[in-house]
């Protein structure tokens, strides 16, 4: 039997749910800046792989949290395809424009899945409330 009360578990869950979108927003704001300044910093190749791994882990956490809330597993399809395309571009020895296209297309698919997941989660959380996002003036 758990010694943590139900309100404490709910508060911890709410904190976790609030932290994930914040981490995602920080990542989404920082990633393009890092992509622009990375060549000037002469970062090693593993830094790119670390960013990819961090993005995929964050996306997986967001997907898990969202699916628990809204139950629609279809959001995994664009997220998984995007992550696979993004990560596979390097080992497949794509080069030049095809490498960039693979990274961009994979990143966009991953982001689209995350946005769809966020939308479904928002609908679930605020579906019947007076949230300004749902006003139909």
N, C-alpha and C. Protein backbone atom coordinates (compact mmCIF):
# COMPACT_ATOMS: atom_id res chain seq x y z
N UNK A 1 0.84 -1.17 0.00
CA UNK A 1 0.00 0.00 0.00
C UNK A 1 0.89 1.24 0.00
N UNK A 2 0.52 2.25 -0.77
CA UNK A 2 1.32 3.46 -0.91
C UNK A 2 1.13 4.39 0.27
N UNK A 3 2.23 4.99 0.73
CA UNK A 3 2.13 5.93 1.84
C UNK A 3 1.88 7.35 1.36
N UNK A 4 1.90 7.58 0.03
CA UNK A 4 1.66 8.91 -0.53
C UNK A 4 0.16 9.08 -0.74
N UNK A 5 -0.37 10.20 -0.27
CA UNK A 5 -1.80 10.43 -0.40
C UNK A 5 -2.17 10.71 -1.86
N UNK A 6 -3.46 10.53 -2.17
CA UNK A 6 -3.94 10.75 -3.53
C UNK A 6 -3.70 12.18 -4.00
N UNK A 7 -3.97 13.23 -3.17
CA UNK A 7 -3.69 14.58 -3.65
C UNK A 7 -2.21 14.81 -3.96
N UNK A 8 -1.31 14.20 -3.18
CA UNK A 8 0.12 14.36 -3.43
C UNK A 8 0.50 13.71 -4.76
N UNK A 9 -0.08 12.53 -5.04
CA UNK A 9 0.20 11.87 -6.32
C UNK A 9 -0.35 12.70 -7.46
N UNK A 10 -1.53 13.29 -7.30
CA UNK A 10 -2.13 14.12 -8.34
C UNK A 10 -1.28 15.35 -8.59
N UNK A 11 -0.80 15.98 -7.53
CA UNK A 11 0.04 17.16 -7.68
C UNK A 11 1.34 16.81 -8.39
N UNK A 12 1.94 15.68 -8.03
CA UNK A 12 3.17 15.26 -8.70
C UNK A 12 2.89 14.97 -10.17
N UNK A 13 1.78 14.34 -10.46
CA UNK A 13 1.40 14.07 -11.85
C UNK A 13 1.16 15.35 -12.63
N UNK A 14 0.53 16.32 -12.00
CA UNK A 14 0.28 17.60 -12.66
C UNK A 14 1.60 18.32 -12.92
N UNK A 15 2.53 18.23 -12.00
CA UNK A 15 3.83 18.86 -12.19
C UNK A 15 4.57 18.22 -13.35
N UNK A 16 4.54 16.91 -13.42
CA UNK A 16 5.18 16.19 -14.52
C UNK A 16 4.54 16.57 -15.84
N UNK A 17 3.23 16.62 -15.88
CA UNK A 17 2.52 16.96 -17.11
C UNK A 17 2.82 18.39 -17.54
N UNK A 18 3.02 19.29 -16.60
CA UNK A 18 3.35 20.67 -16.93
C UNK A 18 4.81 20.80 -17.35
N UNK A 19 5.69 19.99 -16.80
CA UNK A 19 7.12 20.08 -17.11
C UNK A 19 7.43 19.60 -18.52
N UNK A 20 6.74 18.59 -19.02
CA UNK A 20 7.05 18.06 -20.34
C UNK A 20 6.86 19.10 -21.45
N UNK A 21 5.72 19.79 -21.51
CA UNK A 21 5.60 20.82 -22.56
C UNK A 21 6.62 21.94 -22.40
N UNK A 22 6.98 22.27 -21.17
CA UNK A 22 7.99 23.30 -20.95
C UNK A 22 9.34 22.84 -21.49
N UNK A 23 9.72 21.60 -21.20
CA UNK A 23 10.97 21.06 -21.74
C UNK A 23 10.93 21.02 -23.26
N UNK A 24 9.80 20.66 -23.81
CA UNK A 24 9.65 20.62 -25.26
C UNK A 24 9.81 22.02 -25.84
N UNK A 25 9.19 23.02 -25.22
CA UNK A 25 9.29 24.39 -25.72
C UNK A 25 10.74 24.89 -25.67
N UNK A 26 11.42 24.60 -24.58
CA UNK A 26 12.83 25.02 -24.46
C UNK A 26 13.66 24.34 -25.55
N UNK A 27 13.43 23.04 -25.75
CA UNK A 27 14.16 22.31 -26.77
C UNK A 27 13.87 22.88 -28.16
N UNK A 28 12.59 23.13 -28.46
CA UNK A 28 12.21 23.62 -29.78
C UNK A 28 12.76 25.02 -30.05
N UNK A 29 12.91 25.82 -29.01
CA UNK A 29 13.50 27.14 -29.18
C UNK A 29 15.02 27.06 -29.30
N UNK A 30 15.64 26.17 -28.56
CA UNK A 30 17.10 26.08 -28.54
C UNK A 30 17.67 25.32 -29.74
N UNK A 31 16.96 24.31 -30.23
CA UNK A 31 17.50 23.46 -31.30
C UNK A 31 17.87 24.25 -32.56
N UNK A 32 17.01 25.13 -33.07
CA UNK A 32 17.41 25.88 -34.28
C UNK A 32 18.62 26.79 -34.02
N UNK A 33 18.68 27.37 -32.83
CA UNK A 33 19.82 28.21 -32.50
C UNK A 33 21.11 27.40 -32.45
N UNK A 34 21.02 26.22 -31.84
CA UNK A 34 22.19 25.34 -31.78
C UNK A 34 22.60 24.87 -33.18
N UNK A 35 21.62 24.62 -34.03
CA UNK A 35 21.93 24.19 -35.40
C UNK A 35 22.69 25.27 -36.16
N UNK A 36 22.36 26.52 -35.90
CA UNK A 36 23.03 27.63 -36.59
C UNK A 36 24.43 27.86 -36.04
N UNK A 37 24.59 27.77 -34.72
CA UNK A 37 25.90 28.07 -34.14
C UNK A 37 26.80 26.84 -33.99
N UNK A 38 26.27 25.65 -34.18
CA UNK A 38 27.07 24.43 -34.00
C UNK A 38 28.33 24.40 -34.87
N UNK A 39 28.25 24.76 -36.16
CA UNK A 39 29.49 24.72 -36.96
C UNK A 39 30.57 25.66 -36.41
N UNK A 40 30.16 26.81 -35.90
CA UNK A 40 31.13 27.75 -35.34
C UNK A 40 31.77 27.21 -34.05
N UNK A 41 31.06 26.36 -33.36
CA UNK A 41 31.56 25.79 -32.11
C UNK A 41 32.45 24.56 -32.34
N UNK A 42 32.46 24.08 -33.58
CA UNK A 42 33.24 22.88 -33.93
C UNK A 42 32.92 21.71 -33.00
N UNK A 43 31.64 21.49 -32.81
CA UNK A 43 31.22 20.39 -31.94
C UNK A 43 31.50 19.05 -32.60
N UNK A 44 31.86 18.05 -31.82
CA UNK A 44 32.08 16.72 -32.40
C UNK A 44 30.77 16.10 -32.88
N UNK A 45 30.90 15.09 -33.73
CA UNK A 45 29.73 14.45 -34.32
C UNK A 45 28.80 13.86 -33.26
N UNK A 46 29.36 13.38 -32.15
CA UNK A 46 28.51 12.77 -31.13
C UNK A 46 27.54 13.79 -30.53
N UNK A 47 27.85 15.09 -30.63
CA UNK A 47 26.95 16.12 -30.10
C UNK A 47 25.63 16.10 -30.87
N UNK A 48 25.72 15.91 -32.21
CA UNK A 48 24.51 15.81 -33.02
C UNK A 48 23.68 14.60 -32.60
N UNK A 49 24.37 13.49 -32.37
CA UNK A 49 23.67 12.27 -31.96
C UNK A 49 23.06 12.44 -30.56
N UNK A 50 23.71 13.19 -29.71
CA UNK A 50 23.16 13.46 -28.37
C UNK A 50 21.89 14.29 -28.47
N UNK A 51 21.88 15.28 -29.38
CA UNK A 51 20.67 16.09 -29.58
C UNK A 51 19.55 15.22 -30.14
N UNK A 52 19.88 14.35 -31.09
CA UNK A 52 18.87 13.45 -31.65
C UNK A 52 18.31 12.54 -30.57
N UNK A 53 19.19 11.95 -29.78
CA UNK A 53 18.74 11.04 -28.71
C UNK A 53 17.87 11.78 -27.70
N UNK A 54 18.29 12.97 -27.31
CA UNK A 54 17.50 13.77 -26.38
C UNK A 54 16.12 14.11 -26.94
N UNK A 55 16.07 14.43 -28.24
CA UNK A 55 14.80 14.75 -28.88
C UNK A 55 13.88 13.55 -28.92
N UNK A 56 14.43 12.39 -29.25
CA UNK A 56 13.62 11.17 -29.33
C UNK A 56 13.13 10.77 -27.94
N UNK A 57 13.99 10.89 -26.94
CA UNK A 57 13.57 10.57 -25.57
C UNK A 57 12.48 11.51 -25.10
N UNK A 58 12.64 12.80 -25.38
CA UNK A 58 11.61 13.78 -25.00
C UNK A 58 10.30 13.50 -25.74
N UNK A 59 10.39 13.18 -27.03
CA UNK A 59 9.18 12.86 -27.81
C UNK A 59 8.50 11.61 -27.26
N UNK A 60 9.29 10.61 -26.88
CA UNK A 60 8.72 9.38 -26.33
C UNK A 60 8.01 9.66 -25.01
N UNK A 61 8.62 10.50 -24.17
CA UNK A 61 7.98 10.86 -22.90
C UNK A 61 6.68 11.62 -23.15
N UNK A 62 6.70 12.54 -24.12
CA UNK A 62 5.48 13.29 -24.45
C UNK A 62 4.40 12.35 -25.00
N UNK A 63 4.81 11.42 -25.86
CA UNK A 63 3.85 10.48 -26.44
C UNK A 63 3.24 9.61 -25.35
N UNK A 64 4.06 9.08 -24.48
CA UNK A 64 3.57 8.23 -23.39
C UNK A 64 2.58 8.99 -22.52
N UNK A 65 2.96 10.21 -22.15
CA UNK A 65 2.09 11.02 -21.30
C UNK A 65 0.79 11.36 -22.02
N UNK A 66 0.88 11.71 -23.29
CA UNK A 66 -0.31 12.07 -24.05
C UNK A 66 -1.24 10.89 -24.26
N UNK A 67 -0.67 9.75 -24.62
CA UNK A 67 -1.50 8.56 -24.87
C UNK A 67 -2.20 8.12 -23.60
N UNK A 68 -1.54 8.27 -22.46
CA UNK A 68 -2.21 7.95 -21.20
C UNK A 68 -3.42 8.86 -20.99
N UNK A 69 -3.34 10.10 -21.46
CA UNK A 69 -4.43 11.05 -21.27
C UNK A 69 -5.54 10.86 -22.31
N UNK A 70 -5.17 10.75 -23.59
CA UNK A 70 -6.20 10.72 -24.63
C UNK A 70 -6.43 9.35 -25.24
N UNK A 71 -5.51 8.42 -25.11
CA UNK A 71 -5.70 7.04 -25.55
C UNK A 71 -5.56 6.78 -27.04
N UNK A 72 -5.19 7.78 -27.85
CA UNK A 72 -5.09 7.60 -29.30
C UNK A 72 -3.65 7.29 -29.69
N UNK A 73 -3.39 6.02 -29.98
CA UNK A 73 -2.03 5.58 -30.29
C UNK A 73 -1.60 5.95 -31.71
N UNK A 74 -2.49 6.48 -32.52
CA UNK A 74 -2.13 6.85 -33.89
C UNK A 74 -1.06 7.93 -33.93
N UNK A 75 -0.94 8.72 -32.85
CA UNK A 75 0.09 9.77 -32.83
C UNK A 75 1.49 9.19 -32.89
N UNK A 76 1.63 7.91 -32.57
CA UNK A 76 2.95 7.28 -32.61
C UNK A 76 3.48 7.13 -34.05
N UNK A 77 2.58 7.01 -35.02
CA UNK A 77 3.01 6.76 -36.40
C UNK A 77 3.89 7.89 -36.95
N UNK A 78 3.43 9.15 -36.98
CA UNK A 78 4.33 10.18 -37.51
C UNK A 78 5.55 10.40 -36.63
N UNK A 79 5.39 10.22 -35.33
CA UNK A 79 6.54 10.40 -34.43
C UNK A 79 7.60 9.34 -34.69
N UNK A 80 7.19 8.10 -34.80
CA UNK A 80 8.14 7.01 -35.03
C UNK A 80 8.77 7.10 -36.42
N UNK A 81 7.95 7.40 -37.44
CA UNK A 81 8.49 7.54 -38.79
C UNK A 81 9.49 8.70 -38.86
N UNK A 82 9.14 9.81 -38.24
CA UNK A 82 10.03 10.97 -38.25
C UNK A 82 11.33 10.69 -37.53
N UNK A 83 11.24 10.08 -36.36
CA UNK A 83 12.46 9.76 -35.60
C UNK A 83 13.33 8.79 -36.38
N UNK A 84 12.71 7.78 -36.99
CA UNK A 84 13.48 6.80 -37.76
C UNK A 84 14.16 7.45 -38.97
N UNK A 85 13.43 8.31 -39.68
CA UNK A 85 14.00 8.97 -40.85
C UNK A 85 15.15 9.90 -40.44
N UNK A 86 14.93 10.62 -39.37
CA UNK A 86 15.91 11.59 -38.89
C UNK A 86 17.20 10.89 -38.46
N UNK A 87 17.05 9.81 -37.71
CA UNK A 87 18.21 9.10 -37.20
C UNK A 87 18.88 8.25 -38.28
N UNK A 88 18.09 7.70 -39.21
CA UNK A 88 18.64 6.82 -40.24
C UNK A 88 19.38 7.58 -41.33
N UNK A 89 19.20 8.88 -41.43
CA UNK A 89 19.85 9.64 -42.50
C UNK A 89 21.37 9.51 -42.42
N UNK A 90 21.95 9.50 -41.24
CA UNK A 90 23.41 9.41 -41.10
C UNK A 90 23.95 8.01 -41.44
N UNK A 91 23.43 6.93 -40.81
CA UNK A 91 23.99 5.61 -41.12
C UNK A 91 23.76 5.16 -42.56
N UNK A 92 22.73 5.71 -43.21
CA UNK A 92 22.47 5.33 -44.60
C UNK A 92 23.43 6.02 -45.56
N UNK A 93 24.33 6.80 -44.99
CA UNK A 93 25.36 7.50 -45.76
C UNK A 93 24.76 8.45 -46.79
N UNK A 94 23.64 9.04 -46.45
CA UNK A 94 23.11 10.09 -47.31
C UNK A 94 24.11 11.23 -47.25
N UNK A 95 24.16 12.01 -48.28
CA UNK A 95 25.10 13.13 -48.25
C UNK A 95 24.45 14.37 -48.86
N UNK A 96 25.03 15.49 -48.57
CA UNK A 96 24.59 16.75 -49.15
C UNK A 96 23.12 17.04 -48.91
N UNK A 97 22.43 17.36 -50.01
CA UNK A 97 21.03 17.77 -49.94
C UNK A 97 20.14 16.64 -49.42
N UNK A 98 20.45 15.39 -49.77
CA UNK A 98 19.60 14.29 -49.31
C UNK A 98 19.70 14.11 -47.79
N UNK A 99 20.88 14.36 -47.23
CA UNK A 99 21.05 14.28 -45.78
C UNK A 99 20.23 15.37 -45.10
N UNK A 100 20.33 16.58 -45.62
CA UNK A 100 19.57 17.70 -45.06
C UNK A 100 18.08 17.43 -45.20
N UNK A 101 17.64 16.96 -46.37
CA UNK A 101 16.22 16.66 -46.59
C UNK A 101 15.73 15.58 -45.64
N UNK A 102 16.55 14.55 -45.41
CA UNK A 102 16.18 13.49 -44.47
C UNK A 102 16.03 14.02 -43.06
N UNK A 103 16.94 14.88 -42.66
CA UNK A 103 16.88 15.46 -41.31
C UNK A 103 15.67 16.38 -41.17
N UNK A 104 15.44 17.21 -42.18
CA UNK A 104 14.31 18.15 -42.12
C UNK A 104 12.99 17.39 -42.15
N UNK A 105 12.83 16.45 -43.08
CA UNK A 105 11.57 15.69 -43.18
C UNK A 105 11.33 14.89 -41.90
N UNK A 106 12.36 14.25 -41.39
CA UNK A 106 12.21 13.49 -40.16
C UNK A 106 11.85 14.37 -38.98
N UNK A 107 12.51 15.51 -38.86
CA UNK A 107 12.20 16.45 -37.78
C UNK A 107 10.79 17.00 -37.88
N UNK A 108 10.36 17.30 -39.12
CA UNK A 108 8.99 17.81 -39.30
C UNK A 108 7.94 16.75 -38.96
N UNK A 109 8.18 15.51 -39.35
CA UNK A 109 7.24 14.44 -39.00
C UNK A 109 7.18 14.24 -37.48
N UNK A 110 8.32 14.25 -36.85
CA UNK A 110 8.38 14.10 -35.39
C UNK A 110 7.63 15.26 -34.73
N UNK A 111 7.88 16.47 -35.18
CA UNK A 111 7.21 17.64 -34.61
C UNK A 111 5.71 17.61 -34.87
N UNK A 112 5.30 17.18 -36.07
CA UNK A 112 3.87 17.09 -36.38
C UNK A 112 3.17 16.10 -35.46
N UNK A 113 3.80 14.96 -35.22
CA UNK A 113 3.23 13.98 -34.29
C UNK A 113 3.11 14.54 -32.89
N UNK A 114 4.12 15.29 -32.47
CA UNK A 114 4.07 15.88 -31.13
C UNK A 114 2.98 16.95 -31.04
N UNK A 115 2.82 17.73 -32.10
CA UNK A 115 1.75 18.75 -32.10
C UNK A 115 0.38 18.09 -32.07
N UNK A 116 0.20 17.03 -32.85
CA UNK A 116 -1.07 16.30 -32.86
C UNK A 116 -1.33 15.72 -31.48
N UNK A 117 -0.31 15.15 -30.86
CA UNK A 117 -0.43 14.60 -29.52
C UNK A 117 -0.85 15.70 -28.53
N UNK A 118 -0.20 16.86 -28.62
CA UNK A 118 -0.55 17.98 -27.74
C UNK A 118 -1.98 18.44 -27.95
N UNK A 119 -2.41 18.48 -29.20
CA UNK A 119 -3.78 18.89 -29.52
C UNK A 119 -4.80 17.91 -28.90
N UNK A 120 -4.55 16.61 -29.08
CA UNK A 120 -5.46 15.61 -28.51
C UNK A 120 -5.47 15.68 -26.99
N UNK A 121 -4.31 15.90 -26.42
CA UNK A 121 -4.22 16.01 -24.95
C UNK A 121 -5.00 17.22 -24.47
N UNK A 122 -4.88 18.34 -25.18
CA UNK A 122 -5.60 19.55 -24.80
C UNK A 122 -7.11 19.33 -24.91
N UNK A 123 -7.55 18.70 -26.00
CA UNK A 123 -8.98 18.41 -26.15
C UNK A 123 -9.48 17.55 -25.00
N UNK A 124 -8.70 16.58 -24.59
CA UNK A 124 -9.10 15.70 -23.50
C UNK A 124 -9.19 16.46 -22.19
N UNK A 125 -8.19 17.32 -21.93
CA UNK A 125 -8.14 18.04 -20.66
C UNK A 125 -9.17 19.15 -20.58
N UNK A 126 -9.44 19.82 -21.69
CA UNK A 126 -10.29 21.01 -21.65
C UNK A 126 -11.52 20.89 -22.55
N UNK A 127 -11.87 19.68 -22.93
CA UNK A 127 -12.95 19.47 -23.89
C UNK A 127 -14.25 20.17 -23.58
N UNK A 128 -14.64 20.25 -22.33
CA UNK A 128 -15.95 20.81 -22.00
C UNK A 128 -15.82 22.06 -21.12
N UNK A 129 -14.66 22.67 -21.08
CA UNK A 129 -14.48 23.82 -20.20
C UNK A 129 -14.68 25.13 -20.95
N UNK A 130 -14.49 26.20 -20.27
CA UNK A 130 -14.62 27.53 -20.87
C UNK A 130 -13.25 28.07 -21.27
N UNK A 131 -12.37 27.20 -21.66
CA UNK A 131 -11.01 27.57 -22.06
C UNK A 131 -11.08 28.53 -23.25
N UNK A 132 -10.31 29.64 -23.26
CA UNK A 132 -10.35 30.58 -24.37
C UNK A 132 -9.98 29.93 -25.70
N UNK A 133 -9.22 28.86 -25.68
CA UNK A 133 -8.86 28.18 -26.92
C UNK A 133 -10.07 27.54 -27.58
N UNK A 134 -11.15 27.34 -26.82
CA UNK A 134 -12.34 26.70 -27.38
C UNK A 134 -13.49 27.67 -27.63
N UNK A 135 -13.25 28.97 -27.48
CA UNK A 135 -14.33 29.93 -27.68
C UNK A 135 -14.71 29.96 -29.16
N UNK A 136 -15.97 30.01 -29.41
CA UNK A 136 -16.50 30.02 -30.77
C UNK A 136 -17.30 31.29 -30.97
N UNK A 137 -16.59 32.42 -30.98
CA UNK A 137 -17.27 33.71 -31.11
C UNK A 137 -17.96 33.88 -32.42
